[in-house]
Structure formats: C-alpha cells, structure tokens
Protein backbone atom coordinates (compact mmCIF):
# COMPACT_ATOMS: atom_id res chain seq x y z
CA MET A 1 -127.46 -192.73 157.22
CA ARG A 2 -128.57 -196.18 156.24
CA VAL A 3 -126.85 -199.52 155.70
CA GLU A 4 -127.53 -201.54 152.57
CA ARG A 5 -126.24 -204.83 151.17
CA TYR A 6 -125.43 -205.47 147.51
CA PRO A 7 -124.37 -208.56 145.57
CA ALA A 8 -121.07 -208.78 143.69
CA ARG A 9 -120.84 -207.01 140.32
CA ARG A 10 -123.67 -204.58 141.10
CA VAL A 11 -123.34 -201.13 139.54
CA LEU A 12 -123.86 -198.69 142.41
CA VAL A 13 -123.45 -195.44 140.49
CA ARG A 14 -122.55 -194.48 136.94
CA LYS A 15 -120.42 -191.59 135.78
CA GLY A 16 -122.76 -188.65 135.22
CA ASP A 17 -125.37 -189.76 137.77
CA PRO A 18 -126.48 -187.04 140.21
CA GLY A 19 -124.20 -186.91 143.24
CA THR A 20 -126.51 -187.16 146.20
CA SER A 21 -124.60 -189.42 148.59
CA MET A 22 -121.28 -190.71 149.87
CA MET A 23 -120.75 -194.36 150.72
CA VAL A 24 -118.60 -196.08 153.33
CA VAL A 25 -117.59 -199.67 152.65
CA LEU A 26 -118.28 -201.80 155.72
CA GLU A 27 -117.71 -205.20 154.05
CA GLY A 28 -116.46 -206.21 150.60
CA ARG A 29 -114.69 -204.13 147.97
CA VAL A 30 -115.86 -201.59 145.41
CA GLN A 31 -114.14 -200.86 142.12
CA ILE A 32 -114.06 -197.25 140.91
CA CYS A 33 -113.68 -197.15 137.14
CA THR A 34 -114.23 -195.10 134.05
CA ARG A 35 -114.79 -196.09 130.43
CA SER A 36 -113.69 -194.70 127.11
CA GLU A 37 -116.21 -193.99 124.36
CA GLU A 38 -115.14 -197.31 122.80
CA GLY A 39 -116.07 -199.12 126.03
CA ARG A 40 -112.54 -199.73 127.30
CA GLU A 41 -112.50 -199.82 131.11
CA PHE A 42 -109.85 -198.26 133.34
CA VAL A 43 -109.89 -199.03 137.07
CA VAL A 44 -109.06 -195.89 139.02
CA ASN A 45 -109.16 -197.39 142.51
CA ILE A 46 -110.35 -200.24 144.70
CA ILE A 47 -112.20 -199.17 147.84
CA ASN A 48 -111.71 -201.45 150.85
CA PRO A 49 -113.61 -201.78 154.14
CA GLY A 50 -113.34 -198.60 156.18
CA GLU A 51 -112.81 -196.42 153.11
CA VAL A 52 -115.24 -194.01 151.45
CA PHE A 53 -116.20 -193.08 147.92
CA GLY A 54 -118.53 -190.53 146.40
CA GLU A 55 -117.23 -187.74 148.62
CA ILE A 56 -116.57 -185.34 145.70
CA ALA A 57 -120.19 -185.46 144.53
CA LEU A 58 -121.34 -185.32 148.15
CA LEU A 59 -119.49 -182.06 148.74
CA ASP A 60 -120.27 -180.19 145.55
CA GLY A 61 -123.57 -181.84 144.57
CA SER A 62 -122.36 -182.28 140.99
CA ASP A 63 -122.51 -185.40 138.84
CA ARG A 64 -120.51 -188.54 139.60
CA THR A 65 -117.01 -188.59 138.12
CA ALA A 66 -116.74 -192.39 137.71
CA ASP A 67 -118.63 -195.66 137.95
CA ALA A 68 -118.68 -197.63 141.21
CA VAL A 69 -119.18 -201.42 140.98
CA THR A 70 -119.12 -203.99 143.79
CA MET A 71 -116.36 -206.58 143.42
CA ASP A 72 -117.71 -208.80 146.21
CA PRO A 73 -120.96 -208.94 148.14
CA CYS A 74 -120.85 -205.60 149.98
CA GLU A 75 -122.34 -203.88 152.97
CA LEU A 76 -122.32 -200.11 152.56
CA MET A 77 -123.26 -197.23 154.82
CA ILE A 78 -124.87 -194.48 152.73
CA LEU A 79 -124.73 -190.85 153.81
CA GLU A 80 -127.09 -188.52 151.94
CA ARG A 81 -125.87 -185.03 151.03
CA ARG A 82 -128.97 -183.35 152.48
CA ASP A 83 -128.19 -184.90 155.88
CA PHE A 84 -124.41 -184.73 155.81
CA MET A 85 -123.84 -181.09 154.80
CA PRO A 86 -125.50 -179.65 157.94
CA PHE A 87 -123.42 -182.08 160.03
CA LEU A 88 -120.20 -180.83 158.39
CA ARG A 89 -121.18 -177.21 159.05
CA ASP A 90 -121.62 -177.99 162.74
CA HIS A 91 -118.51 -180.21 163.08
CA PRO A 92 -115.41 -178.55 161.59
CA ASP A 93 -113.22 -181.43 162.86
CA ALA A 94 -115.13 -183.80 160.54
CA CYS A 95 -114.57 -181.30 157.72
CA MET A 96 -110.82 -181.42 158.35
CA ARG A 97 -110.80 -185.22 158.31
CA LEU A 98 -112.75 -185.27 155.05
CA LEU A 99 -110.22 -182.84 153.55
CA GLU A 100 -107.43 -185.24 154.53
CA VAL A 101 -109.24 -188.10 152.77
CA LEU A 102 -109.71 -185.95 149.66
CA CYS A 103 -106.03 -185.03 149.64
CA GLN A 104 -105.01 -188.70 149.93
CA LYS A 105 -107.24 -189.58 146.99
CA LEU A 106 -105.94 -186.66 144.94
CA ARG A 107 -102.36 -187.82 145.58
CA TRP A 108 -103.33 -191.37 144.56
CA THR A 109 -105.05 -190.14 141.38
CA THR A 110 -102.05 -187.97 140.52
CA GLY A 111 -99.81 -191.03 140.90
CA VAL A 112 -102.07 -193.08 138.63
CA LEU A 113 -102.01 -190.31 136.02
CA GLU A 114 -98.23 -189.96 136.22
CA ALA A 115 -97.79 -193.71 135.83
CA ALA A 116 -100.09 -193.75 132.79
CA LEU A 117 -98.24 -190.86 131.17
CA PHE A 118 -94.62 -191.61 132.03
CA LEU A 119 -94.20 -195.35 132.69
CA GLU A 120 -94.11 -198.19 130.21
CA GLY A 121 -96.55 -201.09 130.64
CA PRO A 122 -94.25 -203.40 132.65
CA SER A 123 -93.40 -200.59 135.08
CA ARG A 124 -97.09 -199.74 135.53
CA LEU A 125 -97.87 -203.39 136.23
CA ALA A 126 -94.99 -203.64 138.70
CA LYS A 127 -96.17 -200.49 140.48
CA VAL A 128 -99.72 -201.84 140.80
CA LEU A 129 -98.48 -205.21 142.11
CA VAL A 130 -96.27 -203.49 144.70
CA HIS A 131 -99.24 -201.36 145.77
CA LEU A 132 -101.52 -204.41 145.99
CA ALA A 133 -98.83 -206.14 148.07
CA SER A 134 -98.91 -203.24 150.53
CA LEU A 135 -102.71 -203.57 150.85
CA TYR A 136 -103.33 -207.30 150.48
CA GLY A 137 -99.91 -208.89 150.85
CA HIS A 138 -99.36 -211.78 153.24
CA ARG A 139 -95.71 -212.59 153.95
CA MET A 140 -94.82 -216.23 153.47
CA ASP A 141 -91.54 -218.12 153.50
CA HIS A 142 -91.19 -217.95 149.72
CA GLY A 143 -92.60 -214.46 149.05
CA VAL A 144 -95.63 -212.20 149.43
CA GLU A 145 -98.99 -213.68 148.51
CA LEU A 146 -101.61 -211.23 147.27
CA ARG A 147 -104.75 -212.11 149.21
CA ILE A 148 -107.00 -210.65 146.56
CA ARG A 149 -108.33 -212.44 143.53
CA LEU A 150 -108.03 -210.36 140.40
CA SER A 151 -108.40 -211.70 136.89
CA GLN A 152 -105.83 -210.77 134.30
CA GLN A 153 -108.52 -208.60 132.70
CA GLN A 154 -109.05 -206.75 135.99
CA LEU A 155 -105.29 -206.21 136.29
CA ALA A 156 -105.23 -205.00 132.69
CA ASN A 157 -108.00 -202.51 133.49
CA MET A 158 -106.01 -201.22 136.47
CA VAL A 159 -102.79 -200.85 134.49
CA GLY A 160 -104.09 -199.70 131.12
CA MET A 161 -102.75 -202.69 129.19
CA SER A 162 -104.39 -205.51 127.26
CA ARG A 163 -105.13 -208.80 129.00
CA GLU A 164 -102.76 -210.50 126.58
CA SER A 165 -99.93 -208.12 127.54
CA ILE A 166 -100.56 -208.81 131.24
CA ASN A 167 -100.44 -212.55 130.58
CA LYS A 168 -97.19 -212.23 128.63
CA GLN A 169 -95.54 -210.02 131.26
CA LEU A 170 -96.56 -212.22 134.18
CA GLY A 171 -95.25 -215.22 132.23
CA GLN A 172 -91.91 -213.49 131.70
CA TRP A 173 -91.67 -212.53 135.37
CA ARG A 174 -92.59 -216.08 136.33
CA ASP A 175 -89.71 -217.36 134.17
CA ASP A 176 -87.41 -214.76 135.79
CA GLY A 177 -88.42 -215.91 139.30
CA ILE A 178 -90.13 -212.63 140.22
CA VAL A 179 -93.70 -213.92 140.54
CA ALA A 180 -95.57 -217.22 140.70
CA ILE A 181 -99.23 -217.94 140.08
CA GLU A 182 -100.75 -220.40 142.56
CA ASP A 183 -104.47 -221.30 142.55
CA GLY A 184 -105.31 -218.09 140.68
CA ARG A 185 -103.43 -215.90 143.16
CA ILE A 186 -100.23 -214.01 142.51
CA LEU A 187 -97.25 -214.75 144.71
CA ILE A 188 -94.51 -212.13 144.53
CA THR A 189 -91.31 -214.10 145.01
CA ASP A 190 -88.95 -211.12 144.49
CA LEU A 191 -90.54 -207.91 145.77
CA CYS A 192 -87.25 -205.98 145.44
CA ALA A 193 -87.07 -206.79 141.74
CA LEU A 194 -90.62 -205.53 141.22
CA GLN A 195 -89.83 -202.33 143.10
CA GLN A 196 -86.78 -201.75 140.88
CA ILE A 197 -88.87 -202.30 137.74
C-alpha cells in the first residue's frame, strides 16, 4: 500500500475506469457521485476519514461504478488489487470485515434508492440533513450545527433536487423555525421536526 495526497476537487476515479485499487481516507472527505447522460450529478455518498471506497472494483476487478472526487485536501492510503487479493486469501478475518463494510454500503445505497423512489423532495432533504447531523452534528444550546460546509448545489446533488428547490425549502424551514443558516453552515434548530418530515 502507499499513501498519497490530493488537493480538493481532484477527480480520483471516473465511472468506467478499470478497478485496480481500493482507497482508505486518512484525512479529508471524498464524494462518490454519478452523472446522467445530460450531465446532472447525483451524490451517492460522502466518504469520511477511516472509511473506504473502491472495494467493489477491488474485489471483482471490474470497472468503477461511480466517480470519486476529493471534497477537501485529502490523504489516501491506496491498496492495489494485485497485492490485496492474496492478503484476503490468507486472512479470512479481514474478508469477513470487508463483507461487513460491503453490507453496510449496500444498506445505505438501498436507503438512498428507496428515498429517491418513494419520498418527495422535502422528505429526502430532511432525511439527508438528519443523516448529516448524525455524522457531523455538534450539539449547541439552540440546536445542532452541521460541521460540514456544503453548498446548496452539493445538497441538491445529494437529494436529487434543483438548487433553487433546496433554497426555497431551506427558506421555508427557516421561517418555520426548523433550521437556521449561520456563516454558510446549517443549524438544525428543531431536529424532531426534521425527523417527522
């Protein structure tokens, strides 16, 4: 394995690239996304420090299933398939752990798909904000601050809505006392209301 550093907004892999490695995020965040033929982006997941991506291509050697783009300056540990597969054969406990990670990601992807198919836009946005609160939330006296900077366009790409719709919905929730926007960060002032939505 090797460790490499990348600047923010660097495309690490593209959908369809040969799958020759898996990456572990040591520092920074990586966005996993896919694009429609018209160029519309949908964010599938955000990979945080300590998490891995590229494990599907690593295991089966097939092409990448999505793009991976750094959100921040990142430090990544890269495990090549040619080196990792013999290790897995010799260490079944590592195989079991990797299966657990794959199952977690499959459950997450299933949830994203269900939300896209069955929930209206506001409910999808509420679900994403509640999830982000569980990962990046910092409890304060007047709510839960999301300690992650995401533009409205990035939120739109995660939810499958237009940026304008995100802006309108956040504005409505601000008026309803559910969220506040402070210095470009979202403060959830009524987490229970978001969970009900």
